[in-house]
Full PDB file with SEQRES, HELIX, SHEET, SSBOND, CRYST1, ORIGX, SCALE, CONECT and MASTER records, all heavy atoms in Angstrom:
SEQRES   1 A   44  ALA ASP ALA VAL VAL ALA SER GLY ILE GLY HIS VAL PRO          
SEQRES   2 A   44  GLU GLY ARG GLU ILE PHE THR ASP PHE THR VAL LEU GLU          
SEQRES   3 A   44  ASN LEU LEU VAL GLY GLY HIS THR LEU PRO ARG ARG ASP          
SEQRES   4 A   44  VAL PRO ALA ARG LEU                                          
HELIX    1 AA1 ASP A    2  SER A    7  1                                   6    
HELIX    2 AA2 VAL A   24  GLY A   31  1                                   8    
HELIX    3 AA3 ARG A   37  ASP A   39  5                                   3    
HELIX    4 AA4 VAL A   40  ARG A   43  1                                   4    
CRYST1    1.000    1.000    1.000  90.00  90.00  90.00 P 1           1          
ORIGX1      1.000000  0.000000  0.000000        0.00000                         
ORIGX2      0.000000  1.000000  0.000000        0.00000                         
ORIGX3      0.000000  0.000000  1.000000        0.00000                         
SCALE1      1.000000  0.000000  0.000000        0.00000                         
SCALE2      0.000000  1.000000  0.000000        0.00000                         
SCALE3      0.000000  0.000000  1.000000        0.00000                         
ATOM      1  N   ALA A   1      10.522   0.147   9.350  1.00  0.00           N  
ATOM      2  CA  ALA A   1       9.946   0.554   8.064  1.00  0.00           C  
ATOM      3  C   ALA A   1       8.462   0.879   8.185  1.00  0.00           C  
ATOM      4  O   ALA A   1       7.979   1.830   7.561  1.00  0.00           O  
ATOM      5  CB  ALA A   1      10.166  -0.555   7.029  1.00  0.00           C  
ATOM      6  N   ASP A   2       7.722   0.119   8.994  1.00  0.00           N  
ATOM      7  CA  ASP A   2       6.294   0.398   9.111  1.00  0.00           C  
ATOM      8  C   ASP A   2       6.038   1.726   9.811  1.00  0.00           C  
ATOM      9  O   ASP A   2       5.088   2.446   9.477  1.00  0.00           O  
ATOM     10  CB  ASP A   2       5.571  -0.747   9.827  1.00  0.00           C  
ATOM     11  CG  ASP A   2       6.108  -1.002  11.224  1.00  0.00           C  
ATOM     12  OD1 ASP A   2       7.328  -0.988  11.402  1.00  0.00           O  
ATOM     13  OD2 ASP A   2       5.297  -1.234  12.133  1.00  0.00           O  
ATOM     14  N   ALA A   3       6.908   2.084  10.757  1.00  0.00           N  
ATOM     15  CA  ALA A   3       6.772   3.382  11.422  1.00  0.00           C  
ATOM     16  C   ALA A   3       7.078   4.519  10.451  1.00  0.00           C  
ATOM     17  O   ALA A   3       6.443   5.581  10.501  1.00  0.00           O  
ATOM     18  CB  ALA A   3       7.703   3.453  12.634  1.00  0.00           C  
ATOM     19  N   VAL A   4       8.041   4.306   9.564  1.00  0.00           N  
ATOM     20  CA  VAL A   4       8.371   5.316   8.555  1.00  0.00           C  
ATOM     21  C   VAL A   4       7.186   5.536   7.622  1.00  0.00           C  
ATOM     22  O   VAL A   4       6.819   6.671   7.312  1.00  0.00           O  
ATOM     23  CB  VAL A   4       9.629   4.901   7.762  1.00  0.00           C  
ATOM     24  CG1 VAL A   4       9.868   5.845   6.592  1.00  0.00           C  
ATOM     25  CG2 VAL A   4      10.857   4.889   8.671  1.00  0.00           C  
ATOM     26  N   VAL A   5       6.558   4.452   7.180  1.00  0.00           N  
ATOM     27  CA  VAL A   5       5.384   4.567   6.312  1.00  0.00           C  
ATOM     28  C   VAL A   5       4.275   5.327   7.028  1.00  0.00           C  
ATOM     29  O   VAL A   5       3.652   6.238   6.472  1.00  0.00           O  
ATOM     30  CB  VAL A   5       4.889   3.172   5.878  1.00  0.00           C  
ATOM     31  CG1 VAL A   5       3.534   3.277   5.182  1.00  0.00           C  
ATOM     32  CG2 VAL A   5       5.900   2.519   4.941  1.00  0.00           C  
ATOM     33  N   ALA A   6       4.044   4.980   8.284  1.00  0.00           N  
ATOM     34  CA  ALA A   6       2.978   5.629   9.050  1.00  0.00           C  
ATOM     35  C   ALA A   6       3.250   7.115   9.265  1.00  0.00           C  
ATOM     36  O   ALA A   6       2.310   7.900   9.436  1.00  0.00           O  
ATOM     37  CB  ALA A   6       2.806   4.930  10.394  1.00  0.00           C  
ATOM     38  N   SER A   7       4.514   7.521   9.213  1.00  0.00           N  
ATOM     39  CA  SER A   7       4.863   8.928   9.423  1.00  0.00           C  
ATOM     40  C   SER A   7       4.591   9.788   8.193  1.00  0.00           C  
ATOM     41  O   SER A   7       4.615  11.015   8.272  1.00  0.00           O  
ATOM     42  CB  SER A   7       6.340   9.053   9.817  1.00  0.00           C  
ATOM     43  OG  SER A   7       7.188   8.849   8.694  1.00  0.00           O  
ATOM     44  N   GLY A   8       4.364   9.140   7.027  1.00  0.00           N  
ATOM     45  CA  GLY A   8       4.047   9.899   5.827  1.00  0.00           C  
ATOM     46  C   GLY A   8       5.073   9.805   4.717  1.00  0.00           C  
ATOM     47  O   GLY A   8       5.167  10.702   3.879  1.00  0.00           O  
ATOM     48  N   ILE A   9       5.838   8.723   4.678  1.00  0.00           N  
ATOM     49  CA  ILE A   9       6.838   8.513   3.632  1.00  0.00           C  
ATOM     50  C   ILE A   9       6.461   7.272   2.834  1.00  0.00           C  
ATOM     51  O   ILE A   9       6.263   6.190   3.398  1.00  0.00           O  
ATOM     52  CB  ILE A   9       8.255   8.347   4.217  1.00  0.00           C  
ATOM     53  CG1 ILE A   9       8.681   9.616   4.952  1.00  0.00           C  
ATOM     54  CG2 ILE A   9       9.259   8.013   3.118  1.00  0.00           C  
ATOM     55  CD1 ILE A   9      10.034   9.520   5.626  1.00  0.00           C  
ATOM     56  N   GLY A  10       6.346   7.419   1.511  1.00  0.00           N  
ATOM     57  CA  GLY A  10       6.083   6.293   0.620  1.00  0.00           C  
ATOM     58  C   GLY A  10       7.316   5.974  -0.202  1.00  0.00           C  
ATOM     59  O   GLY A  10       8.095   6.867  -0.539  1.00  0.00           O  
ATOM     60  N   HIS A  11       7.495   4.699  -0.529  1.00  0.00           N  
ATOM     61  CA  HIS A  11       8.698   4.255  -1.241  1.00  0.00           C  
ATOM     62  C   HIS A  11       8.283   3.362  -2.407  1.00  0.00           C  
ATOM     63  O   HIS A  11       7.599   2.355  -2.209  1.00  0.00           O  
ATOM     64  CB  HIS A  11       9.604   3.492  -0.267  1.00  0.00           C  
ATOM     65  CG  HIS A  11      10.929   3.095  -0.846  1.00  0.00           C  
ATOM     66  ND1 HIS A  11      11.891   2.453  -0.110  1.00  0.00           N  
ATOM     67  CD2 HIS A  11      11.471   3.259  -2.080  1.00  0.00           C  
ATOM     68  CE1 HIS A  11      12.956   2.225  -0.865  1.00  0.00           C  
ATOM     69  NE2 HIS A  11      12.714   2.698  -2.066  1.00  0.00           N  
ATOM     70  N   VAL A  12       8.680   3.749  -3.617  1.00  0.00           N  
ATOM     71  CA  VAL A  12       8.476   2.920  -4.815  1.00  0.00           C  
ATOM     72  C   VAL A  12       9.843   2.356  -5.190  1.00  0.00           C  
ATOM     73  O   VAL A  12      10.693   3.069  -5.718  1.00  0.00           O  
ATOM     74  CB  VAL A  12       7.892   3.731  -5.986  1.00  0.00           C  
ATOM     75  CG1 VAL A  12       7.655   2.829  -7.193  1.00  0.00           C  
ATOM     76  CG2 VAL A  12       6.599   4.424  -5.569  1.00  0.00           C  
ATOM     77  N   PRO A  13      10.097   1.079  -4.920  1.00  0.00           N  
ATOM     78  CA  PRO A  13      11.443   0.534  -5.105  1.00  0.00           C  
ATOM     79  C   PRO A  13      11.800   0.322  -6.569  1.00  0.00           C  
ATOM     80  O   PRO A  13      10.918   0.255  -7.438  1.00  0.00           O  
ATOM     81  CB  PRO A  13      11.385  -0.801  -4.361  1.00  0.00           C  
ATOM     82  CG  PRO A  13       9.949  -1.197  -4.431  1.00  0.00           C  
ATOM     83  CD  PRO A  13       9.166   0.090  -4.373  1.00  0.00           C  
ATOM     84  N   GLU A  14      13.083   0.199  -6.825  1.00  0.00           N  
ATOM     85  CA  GLU A  14      13.545  -0.151  -8.166  1.00  0.00           C  
ATOM     86  C   GLU A  14      13.005  -1.533  -8.540  1.00  0.00           C  
ATOM     87  O   GLU A  14      12.983  -2.456  -7.715  1.00  0.00           O  
ATOM     88  CB  GLU A  14      15.072  -0.172  -8.208  1.00  0.00           C  
ATOM     89  CG  GLU A  14      15.650  -0.507  -9.569  1.00  0.00           C  
ATOM     90  CD  GLU A  14      17.171  -0.551  -9.575  1.00  0.00           C  
ATOM     91  OE1 GLU A  14      17.784  -0.314  -8.515  1.00  0.00           O  
ATOM     92  OE2 GLU A  14      17.736  -0.829 -10.645  1.00  0.00           O  
ATOM     93  N   GLY A  15      12.546  -1.669  -9.769  1.00  0.00           N  
ATOM     94  CA  GLY A  15      12.006  -2.953 -10.201  1.00  0.00           C  
ATOM     95  C   GLY A  15      10.569  -3.173  -9.803  1.00  0.00           C  
ATOM     96  O   GLY A  15      10.018  -4.255  -9.988  1.00  0.00           O  
ATOM     97  N   ARG A  16       9.945  -2.143  -9.196  1.00  0.00           N  
ATOM     98  CA  ARG A  16       8.507  -2.114  -8.856  1.00  0.00           C  
ATOM     99  C   ARG A  16       8.148  -2.999  -7.681  1.00  0.00           C  
ATOM    100  O   ARG A  16       7.457  -2.598  -6.783  1.00  0.00           O  
ATOM    101  CB  ARG A  16       7.650  -2.467 -10.074  1.00  0.00           C  
ATOM    102  CG  ARG A  16       7.886  -1.506 -11.225  1.00  0.00           C  
ATOM    103  CD  ARG A  16       7.726  -2.169 -12.575  1.00  0.00           C  
ATOM    104  NE  ARG A  16       8.345  -1.369 -13.627  1.00  0.00           N  
ATOM    105  CZ  ARG A  16       8.623  -1.830 -14.823  1.00  0.00           C  
ATOM    106  NH1 ARG A  16       8.333  -3.070 -15.143  1.00  0.00           N  
ATOM    107  NH2 ARG A  16       9.199  -1.048 -15.712  1.00  0.00           N  
ATOM    108  N   GLU A  17       8.559  -4.289  -7.700  1.00  0.00           N  
ATOM    109  CA  GLU A  17       8.310  -5.223  -6.599  1.00  0.00           C  
ATOM    110  C   GLU A  17       6.835  -5.305  -6.225  1.00  0.00           C  
ATOM    111  O   GLU A  17       6.477  -5.328  -5.046  1.00  0.00           O  
ATOM    112  CB  GLU A  17       9.177  -4.857  -5.386  1.00  0.00           C  
ATOM    113  CG  GLU A  17      10.660  -5.009  -5.663  1.00  0.00           C  
ATOM    114  CD  GLU A  17      11.525  -4.886  -4.421  1.00  0.00           C  
ATOM    115  OE1 GLU A  17      10.969  -4.909  -3.308  1.00  0.00           O  
ATOM    116  OE2 GLU A  17      12.746  -4.746  -4.568  1.00  0.00           O  
ATOM    117  N   ILE A  18       5.993  -5.341  -7.237  1.00  0.00           N  
ATOM    118  CA  ILE A  18       4.580  -5.595  -6.989  1.00  0.00           C  
ATOM    119  C   ILE A  18       4.383  -7.089  -6.736  1.00  0.00           C  
ATOM    120  O   ILE A  18       5.264  -7.903  -7.012  1.00  0.00           O  
ATOM    121  CB  ILE A  18       3.715  -5.137  -8.178  1.00  0.00           C  
ATOM    122  CG1 ILE A  18       4.155  -5.860  -9.462  1.00  0.00           C  
ATOM    123  CG2 ILE A  18       3.768  -3.629  -8.351  1.00  0.00           C  
ATOM    124  CD1 ILE A  18       3.257  -5.619 -10.644  1.00  0.00           C  
ATOM    125  N   PHE A  19       3.209  -7.447  -6.212  1.00  0.00           N  
ATOM    126  CA  PHE A  19       2.878  -8.853  -5.992  1.00  0.00           C  
ATOM    127  C   PHE A  19       2.211  -9.369  -7.265  1.00  0.00           C  
ATOM    128  O   PHE A  19       1.033  -9.111  -7.518  1.00  0.00           O  
ATOM    129  CB  PHE A  19       1.960  -8.987  -4.785  1.00  0.00           C  
ATOM    130  CG  PHE A  19       2.598  -8.551  -3.499  1.00  0.00           C  
ATOM    131  CD1 PHE A  19       2.355  -7.289  -2.992  1.00  0.00           C  
ATOM    132  CD2 PHE A  19       3.462  -9.390  -2.815  1.00  0.00           C  
ATOM    133  CE1 PHE A  19       2.952  -6.860  -1.815  1.00  0.00           C  
ATOM    134  CE2 PHE A  19       4.061  -8.981  -1.632  1.00  0.00           C  
ATOM    135  CZ  PHE A  19       3.811  -7.711  -1.135  1.00  0.00           C  
ATOM    136  N   THR A  20       2.977 -10.100  -8.060  1.00  0.00           N  
ATOM    137  CA  THR A  20       2.527 -10.450  -9.410  1.00  0.00           C  
ATOM    138  C   THR A  20       1.346 -11.399  -9.414  1.00  0.00           C  
ATOM    139  O   THR A  20       0.556 -11.410 -10.363  1.00  0.00           O  
ATOM    140  CB  THR A  20       3.678 -11.060 -10.226  1.00  0.00           C  
ATOM    141  OG1 THR A  20       4.219 -12.188  -9.516  1.00  0.00           O  
ATOM    142  CG2 THR A  20       4.782 -10.032 -10.455  1.00  0.00           C  
ATOM    143  N   ASP A  21       1.189 -12.230  -8.369  1.00  0.00           N  
ATOM    144  CA  ASP A  21       0.072 -13.174  -8.322  1.00  0.00           C  
ATOM    145  C   ASP A  21      -1.186 -12.550  -7.732  1.00  0.00           C  
ATOM    146  O   ASP A  21      -2.251 -13.173  -7.750  1.00  0.00           O  
ATOM    147  CB  ASP A  21       0.461 -14.413  -7.515  1.00  0.00           C  
ATOM    148  CG  ASP A  21       1.457 -15.291  -8.257  1.00  0.00           C  
ATOM    149  OD1 ASP A  21       1.460 -15.246  -9.501  1.00  0.00           O  
ATOM    150  OD2 ASP A  21       2.224 -16.009  -7.594  1.00  0.00           O  
ATOM    151  N   PHE A  22      -1.060 -11.331  -7.181  1.00  0.00           N  
ATOM    152  CA  PHE A  22      -2.216 -10.616  -6.660  1.00  0.00           C  
ATOM    153  C   PHE A  22      -2.858  -9.808  -7.782  1.00  0.00           C  
ATOM    154  O   PHE A  22      -2.203  -9.437  -8.751  1.00  0.00           O  
ATOM    155  CB  PHE A  22      -1.811  -9.663  -5.542  1.00  0.00           C  
ATOM    156  CG  PHE A  22      -1.453 -10.325  -4.238  1.00  0.00           C  
ATOM    157  CD1 PHE A  22      -1.267 -11.688  -4.133  1.00  0.00           C  
ATOM    158  CD2 PHE A  22      -1.296  -9.555  -3.099  1.00  0.00           C  
ATOM    159  CE1 PHE A  22      -0.930 -12.281  -2.926  1.00  0.00           C  
ATOM    160  CE2 PHE A  22      -0.965 -10.131  -1.892  1.00  0.00           C  
ATOM    161  CZ  PHE A  22      -0.784 -11.499  -1.801  1.00  0.00           C  
ATOM    162  N   THR A  23      -4.120  -9.500  -7.627  1.00  0.00           N  
ATOM    163  CA  THR A  23      -4.769  -8.599  -8.572  1.00  0.00           C  
ATOM    164  C   THR A  23      -4.312  -7.164  -8.310  1.00  0.00           C  
ATOM    165  O   THR A  23      -3.670  -6.863  -7.291  1.00  0.00           O  
ATOM    166  CB  THR A  23      -6.295  -8.654  -8.434  1.00  0.00           C  
ATOM    167  OG1 THR A  23      -6.662  -8.137  -7.143  1.00  0.00           O  
ATOM    168  CG2 THR A  23      -6.810 -10.071  -8.604  1.00  0.00           C  
ATOM    169  N   VAL A  24      -4.656  -6.288  -9.238  1.00  0.00           N  
ATOM    170  CA  VAL A  24      -4.373  -4.866  -9.044  1.00  0.00           C  
ATOM    171  C   VAL A  24      -4.987  -4.379  -7.742  1.00  0.00           C  
ATOM    172  O   VAL A  24      -4.335  -3.709  -6.930  1.00  0.00           O  
ATOM    173  CB  VAL A  24      -4.918  -4.051 -10.239  1.00  0.00           C  
ATOM    174  CG1 VAL A  24      -4.923  -2.560  -9.925  1.00  0.00           C  
ATOM    175  CG2 VAL A  24      -4.096  -4.340 -11.497  1.00  0.00           C  
ATOM    176  N   LEU A  25      -6.244  -4.722  -7.522  1.00  0.00           N  
ATOM    177  CA  LEU A  25      -6.932  -4.289  -6.311  1.00  0.00           C  
ATOM    178  C   LEU A  25      -6.257  -4.826  -5.061  1.00  0.00           C  
ATOM    179  O   LEU A  25      -6.073  -4.092  -4.079  1.00  0.00           O  
ATOM    180  CB  LEU A  25      -8.392  -4.750  -6.361  1.00  0.00           C  
ATOM    181  CG  LEU A  25      -9.254  -4.408  -5.138  1.00  0.00           C  
ATOM    182  CD1 LEU A  25      -9.306  -2.902  -4.915  1.00  0.00           C  
ATOM    183  CD2 LEU A  25     -10.654  -4.983  -5.299  1.00  0.00           C  
ATOM    184  N   GLU A  26      -5.863  -6.081  -5.079  1.00  0.00           N  
ATOM    185  CA  GLU A  26      -5.205  -6.673  -3.903  1.00  0.00           C  
ATOM    186  C   GLU A  26      -3.874  -5.991  -3.616  1.00  0.00           C  
ATOM    187  O   GLU A  26      -3.511  -5.776  -2.448  1.00  0.00           O  
ATOM    188  CB  GLU A  26      -5.013  -8.164  -4.120  1.00  0.00           C  
ATOM    189  CG  GLU A  26      -6.308  -8.961  -4.034  1.00  0.00           C  
ATOM    190  CD  GLU A  26      -6.171 -10.379  -4.540  1.00  0.00           C  
ATOM    191  OE1 GLU A  26      -5.208 -10.674  -5.306  1.00  0.00           O  
ATOM    192  OE2 GLU A  26      -7.026 -11.209  -4.189  1.00  0.00           O  
ATOM    193  N   ASN A  27      -3.119  -5.629  -4.655  1.00  0.00           N  
ATOM    194  CA  ASN A  27      -1.868  -4.898  -4.453  1.00  0.00           C  
ATOM    195  C   ASN A  27      -2.129  -3.565  -3.768  1.00  0.00           C  
ATOM    196  O   ASN A  27      -1.397  -3.165  -2.852  1.00  0.00           O  
ATOM    197  CB  ASN A  27      -1.165  -4.670  -5.791  1.00  0.00           C  
ATOM    198  CG  ASN A  27      -0.199  -5.777  -6.162  1.00  0.00           C  
ATOM    199  OD1 ASN A  27       0.964  -5.751  -5.776  1.00  0.00           O  
ATOM    200  ND2 ASN A  27      -0.692  -6.759  -6.909  1.00  0.00           N  
ATOM    201  N   LEU A  28      -3.167  -2.868  -4.202  1.00  0.00           N  
ATOM    202  CA  LEU A  28      -3.482  -1.576  -3.601  1.00  0.00           C  
ATOM    203  C   LEU A  28      -3.937  -1.738  -2.156  1.00  0.00           C  
ATOM    204  O   LEU A  28      -3.571  -0.924  -1.291  1.00  0.00           O  
ATOM    205  CB  LEU A  28      -4.553  -0.870  -4.426  1.00  0.00           C  
ATOM    206  CG  LEU A  28      -4.141  -0.461  -5.843  1.00  0.00           C  
ATOM    207  CD1 LEU A  28      -5.320   0.157  -6.579  1.00  0.00           C  
ATOM    208  CD2 LEU A  28      -2.963   0.519  -5.808  1.00  0.00           C  
ATOM    209  N   LEU A  29      -4.689  -2.765  -1.874  1.00  0.00           N  
ATOM    210  CA  LEU A  29      -5.128  -3.001  -0.499  1.00  0.00           C  
ATOM    211  C   LEU A  29      -3.947  -3.320   0.408  1.00  0.00           C  
ATOM    212  O   LEU A  29      -3.920  -2.907   1.581  1.00  0.00           O  
ATOM    213  CB  LEU A  29      -6.153  -4.143  -0.467  1.00  0.00           C  
ATOM    214  CG  LEU A  29      -7.507  -3.828  -1.108  1.00  0.00           C  
ATOM    215  CD1 LEU A  29      -8.385  -5.070  -1.118  1.00  0.00           C  
ATOM    216  CD2 LEU A  29      -8.200  -2.676  -0.393  1.00  0.00           C  
ATOM    217  N   VAL A  30      -2.949  -4.038  -0.109  1.00  0.00           N  
ATOM    218  CA  VAL A  30      -1.728  -4.284   0.665  1.00  0.00           C  
ATOM    219  C   VAL A  30      -1.032  -2.951   0.967  1.00  0.00           C  
ATOM    220  O   VAL A  30      -0.573  -2.707   2.085  1.00  0.00           O  
ATOM    221  CB  VAL A  30      -0.779  -5.237  -0.083  1.00  0.00           C  
ATOM    222  CG1 VAL A  30       0.597  -5.266   0.575  1.00  0.00           C  
ATOM    223  CG2 VAL A  30      -1.357  -6.645  -0.120  1.00  0.00           C  
ATOM    224  N   GLY A  31      -0.975  -2.074  -0.039  1.00  0.00           N  
ATOM    225  CA  GLY A  31      -0.344  -0.769   0.172  1.00  0.00           C  
ATOM    226  C   GLY A  31      -1.047   0.054   1.225  1.00  0.00           C  
ATOM    227  O   GLY A  31      -0.419   0.856   1.923  1.00  0.00           O  
ATOM    228  N   GLY A  32      -2.365  -0.150   1.362  1.00  0.00           N  
ATOM    229  CA  GLY A  32      -3.126   0.621   2.334  1.00  0.00           C  
ATOM    230  C   GLY A  32      -3.463  -0.142   3.594  1.00  0.00           C  
ATOM    231  O   GLY A  32      -4.399   0.236   4.306  1.00  0.00           O  
ATOM    232  N   HIS A  33      -2.697  -1.192   3.905  1.00  0.00           N  
ATOM    233  CA  HIS A  33      -3.084  -2.063   5.031  1.00  0.00           C  
ATOM    234  C   HIS A  33      -3.002  -1.362   6.381  1.00  0.00           C  
ATOM    235  O   HIS A  33      -3.609  -1.814   7.353  1.00  0.00           O  
ATOM    236  CB  HIS A  33      -2.217  -3.333   5.040  1.00  0.00           C  
ATOM    237  CG  HIS A  33      -0.845  -3.136   5.601  1.00  0.00           C  
ATOM    238  ND1 HIS A  33       0.176  -2.585   4.872  1.00  0.00           N  
ATOM    239  CD2 HIS A  33      -0.331  -3.413   6.827  1.00  0.00           C  
ATOM    240  CE1 HIS A  33       1.266  -2.532   5.623  1.00  0.00           C  
ATOM    241  NE2 HIS A  33       0.987  -3.019   6.795  1.00  0.00           N  
ATOM    242  N   THR A  34      -2.261  -0.265   6.478  1.00  0.00           N  
ATOM    243  CA  THR A  34      -2.167   0.460   7.751  1.00  0.00           C  
ATOM    244  C   THR A  34      -3.293   1.477   7.928  1.00  0.00           C  
ATOM    245  O   THR A  34      -3.412   2.082   8.997  1.00  0.00           O  
ATOM    246  CB  THR A  34      -0.822   1.198   7.860  1.00  0.00           C  
ATOM    247  OG1 THR A  34      -0.723   2.163   6.799  1.00  0.00           O  
ATOM    248  CG2 THR A  34       0.347   0.230   7.750  1.00  0.00           C  
ATOM    249  N   LEU A  35      -4.104   1.674   6.899  1.00  0.00           N  
ATOM    250  CA  LEU A  35      -5.161   2.683   6.967  1.00  0.00           C  
ATOM    251  C   LEU A  35      -6.327   2.189   7.815  1.00  0.00           C  
ATOM    252  O   LEU A  35      -6.631   0.987   7.839  1.00  0.00           O  
ATOM    253  CB  LEU A  35      -5.693   2.985   5.555  1.00  0.00           C  
ATOM    254  CG  LEU A  35      -4.768   3.665   4.562  1.00  0.00           C  
ATOM    255  CD1 LEU A  35      -5.438   3.709   3.188  1.00  0.00           C  
ATOM    256  CD2 LEU A  35      -4.424   5.077   5.010  1.00  0.00           C  
ATOM    257  N   PRO A  36      -7.032   3.091   8.482  1.00  0.00           N  
ATOM    258  CA  PRO A  36      -8.326   2.714   9.048  1.00  0.00           C  
ATOM    259  C   PRO A  36      -9.247   2.248   7.933  1.00  0.00           C  
ATOM    260  O   PRO A  36      -9.224   2.799   6.826  1.00  0.00           O  
ATOM    261  CB  PRO A  36      -8.830   4.027   9.670  1.00  0.00           C  
ATOM    262  CG  PRO A  36      -7.612   4.864   9.858  1.00  0.00           C  
ATOM    263  CD  PRO A  36      -6.673   4.488   8.754  1.00  0.00           C  
ATOM    264  N   ARG A  37     -10.047   1.233   8.200  1.00  0.00           N  
ATOM    265  CA  ARG A  37     -10.875   0.629   7.148  1.00  0.00           C  
ATOM    266  C   ARG A  37     -11.772   1.664   6.470  1.00  0.00           C  
ATOM    267  O   ARG A  37     -12.009   1.595   5.264  1.00  0.00           O  
ATOM    268  CB  ARG A  37     -11.710  -0.500   7.738  1.00  0.00           C  
ATOM    269  CG  ARG A  37     -12.530  -1.256   6.714  1.00  0.00           C  
ATOM    270  CD  ARG A  37     -13.104  -2.519   7.275  1.00  0.00           C  
ATOM    271  NE  ARG A  37     -12.050  -3.462   7.650  1.00  0.00           N  
ATOM    272  CZ  ARG A  37     -12.295  -4.682   8.128  1.00  0.00           C  
ATOM    273  NH1 ARG A  37     -13.542  -5.099   8.286  1.00  0.00           N  
ATOM    274  NH2 ARG A  37     -11.302  -5.483   8.459  1.00  0.00           N  
ATOM    275  N   ARG A  38     -12.237   2.643   7.228  1.00  0.00           N  
ATOM    276  CA  ARG A  38     -13.153   3.640   6.667  1.00  0.00           C  
ATOM    277  C   ARG A  38     -12.479   4.521   5.618  1.00  0.00           C  
ATOM    278  O   ARG A  38     -13.155   5.139   4.789  1.00  0.00           O  
ATOM    279  CB  ARG A  38     -13.720   4.521   7.777  1.00  0.00           C  
ATOM    280  CG  ARG A  38     -12.675   5.380   8.484  1.00  0.00           C  
ATOM    281  CD  ARG A  38     -13.269   6.233   9.591  1.00  0.00           C  
ATOM    282  NE  ARG A  38     -12.257   7.062  10.225  1.00  0.00           N  
ATOM    283  CZ  ARG A  38     -11.484   6.661  11.224  1.00  0.00           C  
ATOM    284  NH1 ARG A  38     -11.620   5.432  11.705  1.00  0.00           N  
ATOM    285  NH2 ARG A  38     -10.579   7.468  11.744  1.00  0.00           N  
ATOM    286  N   ASP A  39     -11.120   4.594   5.648  1.00  0.00           N  
ATOM    287  CA  ASP A  39     -10.402   5.457   4.711  1.00  0.00           C  
ATOM    288  C   ASP A  39     -10.044   4.753   3.405  1.00  0.00           C  
ATOM    289  O   ASP A  39      -9.632   5.410   2.442  1.00  0.00           O  
ATOM    290  CB  ASP A  39      -9.103   5.977   5.360  1.00  0.00           C  
ATOM    291  CG  ASP A  39      -9.366   6.909   6.529  1.00  0.00           C  
ATOM    292  OD1 ASP A  39     -10.508   7.401   6.641  1.00  0.00           O  
ATOM    293  OD2 ASP A  39      -8.428   7.138   7.317  1.00  0.00           O  
ATOM    294  N   VAL A  40     -10.162   3.430   3.366  1.00  0.00           N  
ATOM    295  CA  VAL A  40      -9.702   2.670   2.203  1.00  0.00           C  
ATOM    296  C   VAL A  40     -10.476   3.021   0.930  1.00  0.00           C  
ATOM    297  O   VAL A  40      -9.852   3.254  -0.125  1.00  0.00           O  
ATOM    298  CB  VAL A  40      -9.753   1.158   2.489  1.00  0.00           C  
ATOM    299  CG1 VAL A  40      -9.494   0.342   1.219  1.00  0.00           C  
ATOM    300  CG2 VAL A  40      -8.724   0.796   3.561  1.00  0.00           C  
ATOM    301  N   PRO A  41     -11.799   3.085   0.939  1.00  0.00           N  
ATOM    302  CA  PRO A  41     -12.513   3.389  -0.311  1.00  0.00           C  
ATOM    303  C   PRO A  41     -12.089   4.712  -0.936  1.00  0.00           C  
ATOM    304  O   PRO A  41     -11.936   4.795  -2.170  1.00  0.00           O  
ATOM    305  CB  PRO A  41     -13.986   3.414   0.122  1.00  0.00           C  
ATOM    306  CG  PRO A  41     -14.037   2.528   1.315  1.00  0.00           C  
ATOM    307  CD  PRO A  41     -12.751   2.767   2.037  1.00  0.00           C  
ATOM    308  N   ALA A  42     -11.871   5.744  -0.126  1.00  0.00           N  
ATOM    309  CA  ALA A  42     -11.467   7.049  -0.663  1.00  0.00           C  
ATOM    310  C   ALA A  42     -10.073   6.978  -1.271  1.00  0.00           C  
ATOM    311  O   ALA A  42      -9.811   7.600  -2.319  1.00  0.00           O  
ATOM    312  CB  ALA A  42     -11.511   8.111   0.430  1.00  0.00           C  
ATOM    313  N   ARG A  43      -9.172   6.233  -0.651  1.00  0.00           N  
ATOM    314  CA  ARG A  43      -7.818   6.124  -1.189  1.00  0.00           C  
ATOM    315  C   ARG A  43      -7.829   5.307  -2.489  1.00  0.00           C  
ATOM    316  O   ARG A  43      -7.077   5.611  -3.418  1.00  0.00           O  
ATOM    317  CB  ARG A  43      -6.874   5.481  -0.163  1.00  0.00           C  
ATOM    318  CG  ARG A  43      -6.672   6.289   1.099  1.00  0.00           C  
ATOM    319  CD  ARG A  43      -6.365   7.757   0.810  1.00  0.00           C  
ATOM    320  NE  ARG A  43      -5.170   7.897  -0.019  1.00  0.00           N  
ATOM    321  CZ  ARG A  43      -4.947   8.920  -0.835  1.00  0.00           C  
ATOM    322  NH1 ARG A  43      -5.845   9.878  -0.970  1.00  0.00           N  
ATOM    323  NH2 ARG A  43      -3.823   8.996  -1.530  1.00  0.00           N  
ATOM    324  N   LEU A  44      -8.658   4.276  -2.560  1.00  0.00           N  
ATOM    325  CA  LEU A  44      -8.779   3.522  -3.812  1.00  0.00           C  
ATOM    326  C   LEU A  44      -9.333   4.407  -4.918  1.00  0.00           C  
ATOM    327  O   LEU A  44      -8.851   4.377  -6.055  1.00  0.00           O  
ATOM    328  CB  LEU A  44      -9.688   2.304  -3.612  1.00  0.00           C  
ATOM    329  CG  LEU A  44      -9.107   1.134  -2.825  1.00  0.00           C  
ATOM    330  CD1 LEU A  44     -10.194   0.089  -2.584  1.00  0.00           C  
ATOM    331  CD2 LEU A  44      -7.914   0.511  -3.545  1.00  0.00           C  
TER     332      LEU A  44                                                      
MASTER        0    0    0    4    0    0    0    6  331    1    0    4          
END                                                                             
């Protein structure tokens, strides 16, 4: 699955499956955990 994400495929599952105890920002950072650190601010 991580190789699929890195290839350019994103998946929004049924029921959202967000991390409810994380903040909005923390959820987004999890989504971008494979990015080079320098790219994170632009994606946010």
